[in-house]
């Protein structure tokens, strides 16, 4: 059985004033929710009644053994990866979703699906799934992300960033991930949607959940545009596409983790151009940038003349080299396969 924790959420009828937020905003701000100050923050895996649990089991055509049932609802969910899991933000939304027969894990913030530092607050080379989420990440499992349908641009960008990071970590485990969308006018959160439009509207949003590809593409294009603008402001507009992307790559890694550089430049102007005009080279471009970025940094630190020219030449040569290496590897694999067939 999963251990009970001291972490929880409380919504007071008479909230207290948040002195810090009030001072920052200049007007009284109230603490809408309270959490235990000394308890470790963990995702919400709440107690689920037998009635709702049985409804979920029946819906997915499973019949847990007595031992499995005695081990608790969340143990059963772990044992049966054919049960999809919805992830949302906030305790009320978690309970709202579960009450509609959807297995739901609640986060205290969208970025709580992953961690980027270890227990000692040291930055990780690669982000990791939160352990309480990772334990359910079976390659046969489908996850559905049901976050607020925000309308503020800044909030949308920040939520999408953390959502995409979670998506990629789940997909790296072999899981299928979908995203719930609905009209913000029908309710910001899934609990608002249920309250304003009824349970059927939420079930419809579940059925119409879309692929995560669009959100990933939009996120990395947005990140690229933001970082490319910074590079142009710091260095100048007269840069080759390859040097611009090398600078963006460096900043993306510093801002995120080791893999973010390649992900961001995969949506650069030049990467998009390659996909259209030279699709045979496009898959190797992000890796080429990664391979030469160390040498580029050294040349840059030495104030090497014609840096723009060398950046362009290095990246183009490395892209072509990676393509040739891949083709040779495929040829060797094909020859081995043919020899094996002849032997048999």
Protein backbone atom coordinates (compact mmCIF):
# COMPACT_ATOMS: atom_id res chain seq x y z
CA UNK A 1 0.00 0.00 0.00
CA UNK A 2 1.21 3.53 -0.70
CA UNK A 3 2.17 5.41 2.44
CA UNK A 4 -0.04 8.20 3.69
CA UNK A 5 1.63 11.61 3.78
CA UNK A 6 1.11 14.77 5.77
CA UNK A 7 0.81 16.78 2.55
CA UNK A 8 -2.67 18.06 1.76
CA UNK A 9 -4.76 21.03 0.73
CA UNK A 10 -7.22 23.12 2.73
CA UNK A 11 -9.53 25.85 1.46
CA UNK A 12 -10.62 28.07 4.36
CA UNK A 13 -14.00 29.82 4.45
CA UNK A 14 -12.25 32.91 5.83
CA UNK A 15 -8.80 33.06 4.19
CA UNK A 16 -5.97 35.00 5.75
CA UNK A 17 -4.09 37.82 4.04
CA UNK A 18 -0.87 36.85 2.27
CA UNK A 19 1.51 39.56 3.49
CA UNK A 20 4.17 38.88 0.85
CA UNK A 21 1.80 38.96 -2.15
CA UNK A 22 -0.01 41.97 -0.67
CA UNK A 23 3.26 43.87 -0.37
CA UNK A 24 4.24 42.98 -3.94
CA UNK A 25 0.89 43.95 -5.44
CA UNK A 26 0.09 46.94 -3.27
CA UNK A 27 -3.39 45.62 -2.43
CA UNK A 28 -4.59 42.95 0.01
CA UNK A 29 -4.18 39.43 -1.38
CA UNK A 30 -5.71 36.43 0.33
CA UNK A 31 -4.37 32.88 0.53
CA UNK A 32 -7.05 30.90 -1.27
CA UNK A 33 -5.51 27.55 -0.33
CA UNK A 34 -3.35 26.40 2.57
CA UNK A 35 -0.82 23.55 2.66
CA UNK A 36 1.17 22.10 5.58
CA UNK A 37 4.29 24.23 5.91
CA UNK A 38 6.60 21.45 7.10
CA UNK A 39 5.36 18.60 4.90
CA UNK A 40 7.09 17.54 1.67
CA UNK A 41 5.15 18.53 -1.43
CA UNK A 42 3.89 15.42 -3.25
CA UNK A 43 1.26 14.79 -5.95
CA UNK A 44 -2.29 14.16 -4.81
CA UNK A 45 -3.25 10.47 -4.89
CA UNK A 46 -6.39 10.74 -2.75
CA UNK A 47 -8.44 8.01 -1.13
CA UNK A 48 -11.03 6.67 -3.57
CA UNK A 49 -14.32 5.17 -2.37
CA UNK A 50 -15.16 1.56 -3.19
CA UNK A 51 -18.19 2.73 -5.18
CA UNK A 52 -16.11 4.94 -7.49
CA UNK A 53 -13.29 2.39 -7.64
CA UNK A 54 -15.69 -0.35 -8.75
CA UNK A 55 -17.19 1.99 -11.33
CA UNK A 56 -13.70 2.57 -12.76
CA UNK A 57 -12.83 -1.15 -12.74
CA UNK A 58 -16.06 -1.99 -14.56
CA UNK A 59 -15.49 0.79 -17.10
CA UNK A 60 -12.12 -0.67 -18.07
CA UNK A 61 -13.17 -4.31 -17.91
CA UNK A 62 -10.94 -5.43 -15.06
CA UNK A 63 -11.68 -7.50 -11.97
CA UNK A 64 -8.91 -7.07 -9.38
CA UNK A 65 -8.17 -9.99 -7.08
CA UNK A 66 -9.05 -9.71 -3.37
CA UNK A 67 -5.35 -9.23 -2.56
CA UNK A 68 -5.08 -6.43 -5.11
CA UNK A 69 -8.18 -4.74 -3.72
CA UNK A 70 -6.80 -5.02 -0.19
CA UNK A 71 -3.65 -3.28 -1.33
CA UNK A 72 -5.71 -0.24 -2.28
CA UNK A 73 -7.04 1.61 -5.31
CA UNK A 74 -3.71 3.07 -6.43
CA UNK A 75 -2.01 -0.32 -6.24
CA UNK A 76 -4.68 -1.69 -8.58
CA UNK A 77 -4.15 1.22 -10.99
CA UNK A 78 -0.42 0.49 -11.02
CA UNK A 79 -1.02 -3.19 -11.78
CA UNK A 80 -3.35 -2.51 -14.74
CA UNK A 81 -1.68 -0.19 -17.29
CA UNK A 82 -4.73 -0.41 -19.57
CA UNK A 83 -6.35 2.12 -17.22
CA UNK A 84 -5.57 5.63 -18.53
CA UNK A 85 -4.50 8.27 -16.03
CA UNK A 86 -5.50 11.91 -16.18
CA UNK A 87 -3.13 14.49 -14.69
CA UNK A 88 -4.42 17.86 -13.55
CA UNK A 89 -3.39 20.71 -11.27
CA UNK A 90 -5.09 21.26 -7.92
CA UNK A 91 -6.86 19.11 -5.35
CA UNK A 92 -10.43 20.16 -6.19
CA UNK A 93 -9.93 19.34 -9.85
CA UNK A 94 -8.41 15.99 -8.91
CA UNK A 95 -11.48 15.05 -6.89
CA UNK A 96 -13.84 16.45 -9.54
CA UNK A 97 -12.25 14.27 -12.21
CA UNK A 98 -12.17 11.15 -10.03
CA UNK A 99 -15.84 11.65 -9.17
CA UNK A 100 -16.57 11.31 -12.90
CA UNK A 101 -14.83 7.92 -13.07
CA UNK A 102 -11.46 9.14 -14.38
CA UNK A 103 -8.33 7.96 -12.57
CA UNK A 104 -6.62 11.27 -11.80
CA UNK A 105 -3.36 12.35 -10.21
CA UNK A 106 -3.26 15.94 -8.98
CA UNK A 107 -0.25 18.25 -9.05
CA UNK A 108 0.36 21.25 -6.84
CA UNK A 109 1.68 23.07 -9.92
CA UNK A 110 2.05 22.19 -13.59
CA UNK A 111 5.82 21.88 -13.15
CA UNK A 112 5.31 19.36 -10.34
CA UNK A 113 5.09 16.50 -12.84
CA UNK A 114 8.90 16.61 -13.07
CA UNK A 115 11.92 17.72 -11.07
CA UNK A 116 15.04 19.49 -12.34
CA UNK A 117 17.07 19.38 -9.10
CA UNK A 118 17.99 16.54 -6.75
CA UNK A 119 17.10 16.31 -3.06
CA UNK A 120 20.04 18.62 -2.27
CA UNK A 121 18.84 21.23 -4.79
CA UNK A 122 21.65 20.46 -7.26
CA UNK A 123 20.66 20.89 -10.92
CA UNK A 124 20.13 17.60 -12.74
CA UNK A 125 21.71 17.04 -16.14
CA UNK A 126 18.33 15.76 -17.34
CA UNK A 127 14.92 16.44 -15.85
CA UNK A 128 13.17 13.48 -14.20
CA UNK A 129 9.57 12.50 -13.69
CA UNK A 130 8.33 13.01 -10.16
CA UNK A 131 8.65 9.54 -8.51
CA UNK A 132 4.94 9.43 -7.60
CA UNK A 133 4.11 9.86 -11.29
CA UNK A 134 6.96 7.74 -12.65
CA UNK A 135 5.75 4.64 -10.80
CA UNK A 136 2.67 4.56 -13.06
CA UNK A 137 4.59 5.24 -16.30
CA UNK A 138 4.18 1.88 -18.00
CA UNK A 139 4.74 1.74 -21.76
CA UNK A 140 1.19 0.39 -22.15
CA UNK A 141 -0.30 3.33 -20.25
CA UNK A 142 -2.02 6.37 -21.74
CA UNK A 143 -1.79 9.66 -19.89
CA UNK A 144 -4.15 12.59 -20.47
CA UNK A 145 -3.23 16.09 -19.36
CA UNK A 146 -6.17 18.22 -18.25
CA UNK A 147 -4.77 21.63 -17.30
CA UNK A 148 -6.61 24.96 -17.10
CA UNK A 149 -7.67 26.57 -20.37
CA UNK A 150 -5.99 29.89 -19.64
CA UNK A 151 -6.49 33.03 -21.73
CA UNK A 152 -3.49 35.12 -20.56
CA UNK A 153 -0.64 34.77 -23.07
CA UNK A 154 2.13 34.69 -20.44
CA UNK A 155 0.33 32.00 -18.45
CA UNK A 156 -0.36 29.95 -21.59
CA UNK A 157 3.35 30.02 -22.52
CA UNK A 158 4.50 29.03 -19.02
CA UNK A 159 1.94 26.24 -18.64
CA UNK A 160 2.72 24.86 -22.10
CA UNK A 161 6.45 24.82 -21.30
CA UNK A 162 6.00 22.69 -18.17
CA UNK A 163 3.34 20.56 -19.83
CA UNK A 164 5.66 19.75 -22.75
CA UNK A 165 8.47 18.83 -20.36
CA UNK A 166 6.14 16.39 -18.63
CA UNK A 167 4.91 15.01 -21.95
CA UNK A 168 8.43 14.26 -23.16
CA UNK A 169 9.39 12.50 -19.93
CA UNK A 170 6.28 10.31 -20.10
CA UNK A 171 6.84 9.55 -23.78
CA UNK A 172 10.46 8.63 -23.01
CA UNK A 173 9.00 5.87 -20.81
CA UNK A 174 7.01 4.62 -23.78
CA UNK A 175 3.68 6.07 -22.63
CA UNK A 176 1.11 7.57 -24.98
CA UNK A 177 0.18 11.13 -24.02
CA UNK A 178 -2.84 13.18 -25.05
CA UNK A 179 -4.00 16.69 -24.11
CA UNK A 180 -7.53 17.74 -23.18
CA UNK A 181 -8.85 20.94 -24.79
CA UNK A 182 -12.14 22.76 -24.34
CA UNK A 183 -13.54 26.25 -24.81
CA UNK A 184 -12.28 28.52 -21.98
CA UNK A 185 -15.67 30.21 -21.98
CA UNK A 186 -17.15 26.90 -20.77
CA UNK A 187 -14.88 26.96 -17.72
CA UNK A 188 -11.24 27.58 -16.94
CA UNK A 189 -10.58 24.37 -15.02
CA UNK A 190 -12.11 20.93 -15.49
CA UNK A 191 -14.12 21.45 -12.30
CA UNK A 192 -15.53 24.68 -13.77
CA UNK A 193 -16.36 22.83 -17.00
CA UNK A 194 -18.29 20.17 -15.07
CA UNK A 195 -20.07 22.80 -12.97
CA UNK A 196 -21.07 25.02 -15.91
CA UNK A 197 -21.65 22.52 -18.71
CA UNK A 198 -22.25 19.24 -16.90
CA UNK A 199 -20.36 15.97 -16.63
CA UNK A 200 -21.06 15.13 -20.28
CA UNK A 201 -18.91 18.09 -21.39
CA UNK A 202 -15.98 16.73 -19.41
CA UNK A 203 -16.46 13.21 -20.79
CA UNK A 204 -16.53 14.73 -24.29
CA UNK A 205 -13.25 16.53 -23.61
CA UNK A 206 -11.75 13.20 -22.50
CA UNK A 207 -12.92 11.46 -25.68
CA UNK A 208 -11.66 14.31 -27.88
CA UNK A 209 -8.20 14.54 -26.28
CA UNK A 210 -5.64 15.35 -28.96
CA UNK A 211 -2.05 14.35 -29.72
CA UNK A 212 0.69 16.18 -27.83
CA UNK A 213 2.61 16.97 -31.04
CA UNK A 214 1.02 20.37 -31.62
CA UNK A 215 1.81 21.68 -28.13
CA UNK A 216 5.43 20.50 -28.43
CA UNK A 217 5.84 22.20 -31.80
CA UNK A 218 4.32 25.49 -30.60
CA UNK A 219 6.39 25.48 -27.40
CA UNK A 220 9.76 25.01 -29.09
CA UNK A 221 8.97 27.51 -31.82
CA UNK A 222 8.05 30.06 -29.15
CA UNK A 223 11.25 29.34 -27.23
CA UNK A 224 13.33 29.64 -30.39
CA UNK A 225 11.84 33.01 -31.33
CA UNK A 226 12.42 34.34 -27.81
CA UNK A 227 16.07 33.22 -27.65
CA UNK A 228 16.84 34.25 -31.24
CA UNK A 229 15.63 37.76 -30.43
CA UNK A 230 17.97 37.88 -27.42
CA UNK A 231 20.92 36.73 -29.54
CA UNK A 232 20.27 39.39 -32.18
CA UNK A 233 20.01 42.07 -29.50
CA UNK A 234 23.28 40.96 -27.87
CA UNK A 235 25.40 40.14 -30.94
CA UNK A 236 23.70 41.72 -33.95
CA UNK A 237 21.37 40.92 -36.82
CA UNK A 238 24.07 40.11 -39.37
CA UNK A 239 24.60 36.46 -38.39
CA UNK A 240 24.55 33.31 -40.47
CA UNK A 241 21.68 30.97 -39.69
CA UNK A 242 24.11 28.39 -38.32
CA UNK A 243 25.80 30.79 -35.91
CA UNK A 244 22.46 32.14 -34.75
CA UNK A 245 21.30 28.59 -34.01
CA UNK A 246 24.53 27.74 -32.17
CA UNK A 247 23.99 30.76 -29.91
CA UNK A 248 20.36 29.80 -29.38
CA UNK A 249 21.44 26.23 -28.62
CA UNK A 250 23.83 27.41 -25.90
CA UNK A 251 21.20 29.60 -24.24
CA UNK A 252 18.52 26.90 -24.42
CA UNK A 253 20.79 24.45 -22.56
CA UNK A 254 21.63 27.04 -19.90
CA UNK A 255 17.96 27.86 -19.45
CA UNK A 256 16.74 24.26 -19.37
CA UNK A 257 18.65 20.99 -19.50
CA UNK A 258 21.11 19.26 -21.83
CA UNK A 259 18.48 18.12 -24.34
CA UNK A 260 16.67 21.45 -24.67
CA UNK A 261 19.24 22.85 -27.09
CA UNK A 262 18.49 20.32 -29.83
CA UNK A 263 14.75 20.50 -29.20
CA UNK A 264 14.63 24.28 -29.52
CA UNK A 265 16.79 24.56 -32.66
CA UNK A 266 14.73 21.82 -34.32
CA UNK A 267 12.12 24.58 -34.77
CA UNK A 268 14.53 27.27 -35.99
CA UNK A 269 14.03 29.12 -39.27
CA UNK A 270 16.94 27.25 -40.85
CA UNK A 271 15.77 23.84 -39.56
CA UNK A 272 12.34 24.50 -41.07
CA UNK A 273 13.98 25.52 -44.34
CA UNK A 274 15.96 22.28 -44.43
CA UNK A 275 12.80 20.25 -43.87
CA UNK A 276 11.29 21.83 -46.98
CA UNK A 277 14.29 22.13 -49.29
CA UNK A 278 16.66 19.36 -48.11
CA UNK A 279 14.60 16.87 -46.11
CA UNK A 280 17.42 14.31 -46.36
CA UNK A 281 19.65 16.58 -44.23
CA UNK A 282 17.06 17.99 -41.81
CA UNK A 283 17.09 15.10 -39.27
CA UNK A 284 20.84 15.55 -38.68
CA UNK A 285 20.93 19.32 -38.21
CA UNK A 286 20.18 19.52 -34.43
CA UNK A 287 22.76 16.81 -33.69
CA UNK A 288 25.32 18.62 -35.86
CA UNK A 289 24.86 21.76 -33.76
CA UNK A 290 25.30 19.70 -30.61
CA UNK A 291 28.50 18.10 -31.95
CA UNK A 292 30.25 21.36 -32.86
CA UNK A 293 29.00 23.66 -30.09
CA UNK A 294 32.04 22.95 -27.90
CA UNK A 295 34.47 23.95 -30.65
CA UNK A 296 32.34 26.99 -31.45
CA UNK A 297 32.52 28.12 -27.81
CA UNK A 298 36.31 27.85 -27.85
CA UNK A 299 36.57 29.89 -31.03
CA UNK A 300 34.16 32.47 -29.66
CA UNK A 301 36.09 32.85 -26.39
CA UNK A 302 39.27 33.47 -28.40
CA UNK A 303 37.53 36.20 -30.45
CA UNK A 304 38.39 34.28 -33.61
CA UNK A 305 38.03 36.36 -36.81
CA UNK A 306 35.46 35.20 -39.36
CA UNK A 307 33.57 33.34 -36.63
CA UNK A 308 30.39 33.57 -38.65
CA UNK A 309 32.06 31.82 -41.59
CA UNK A 310 33.56 29.06 -39.42
CA UNK A 311 30.26 28.44 -37.67
CA UNK A 312 28.49 28.00 -40.98
CA UNK A 313 31.20 25.72 -42.36
CA UNK A 314 31.45 23.52 -39.23
CA UNK A 315 27.71 22.96 -38.96
CA UNK A 316 27.23 22.22 -42.66
CA UNK A 317 30.12 19.76 -42.74
CA UNK A 318 28.94 18.01 -39.58
CA UNK A 319 25.37 17.73 -40.89
CA UNK A 320 26.60 16.11 -44.12
CA UNK A 321 28.96 13.83 -42.18
CA UNK A 322 26.18 12.57 -39.91
CA UNK A 323 24.02 11.81 -42.96
CA UNK A 324 26.83 9.76 -44.57
CA UNK A 325 27.50 7.88 -41.33
CA UNK A 326 23.81 6.97 -41.04
CA UNK A 327 23.67 5.77 -44.63
CA UNK A 328 26.76 3.59 -44.15
CA UNK A 329 25.28 2.12 -40.98
CA UNK A 330 22.07 1.26 -42.81
CA UNK A 331 24.06 -0.36 -45.63
CA UNK A 332 25.98 -2.52 -43.15
CA UNK A 333 22.76 -3.53 -41.43
CA UNK A 334 21.21 -4.47 -44.77
CA UNK A 335 24.26 -6.56 -45.76
CA UNK A 336 24.19 -8.41 -42.42
CA UNK A 337 20.49 -9.10 -42.85
CA UNK A 338 21.02 -10.45 -46.37
CA UNK A 339 23.95 -12.64 -45.27
CA UNK A 340 21.83 -14.02 -42.44
CA UNK A 341 19.05 -14.92 -44.86
CA UNK A 342 21.53 -16.71 -47.16
CA UNK A 343 22.97 -18.65 -44.21
CA UNK A 344 19.52 -19.77 -43.11
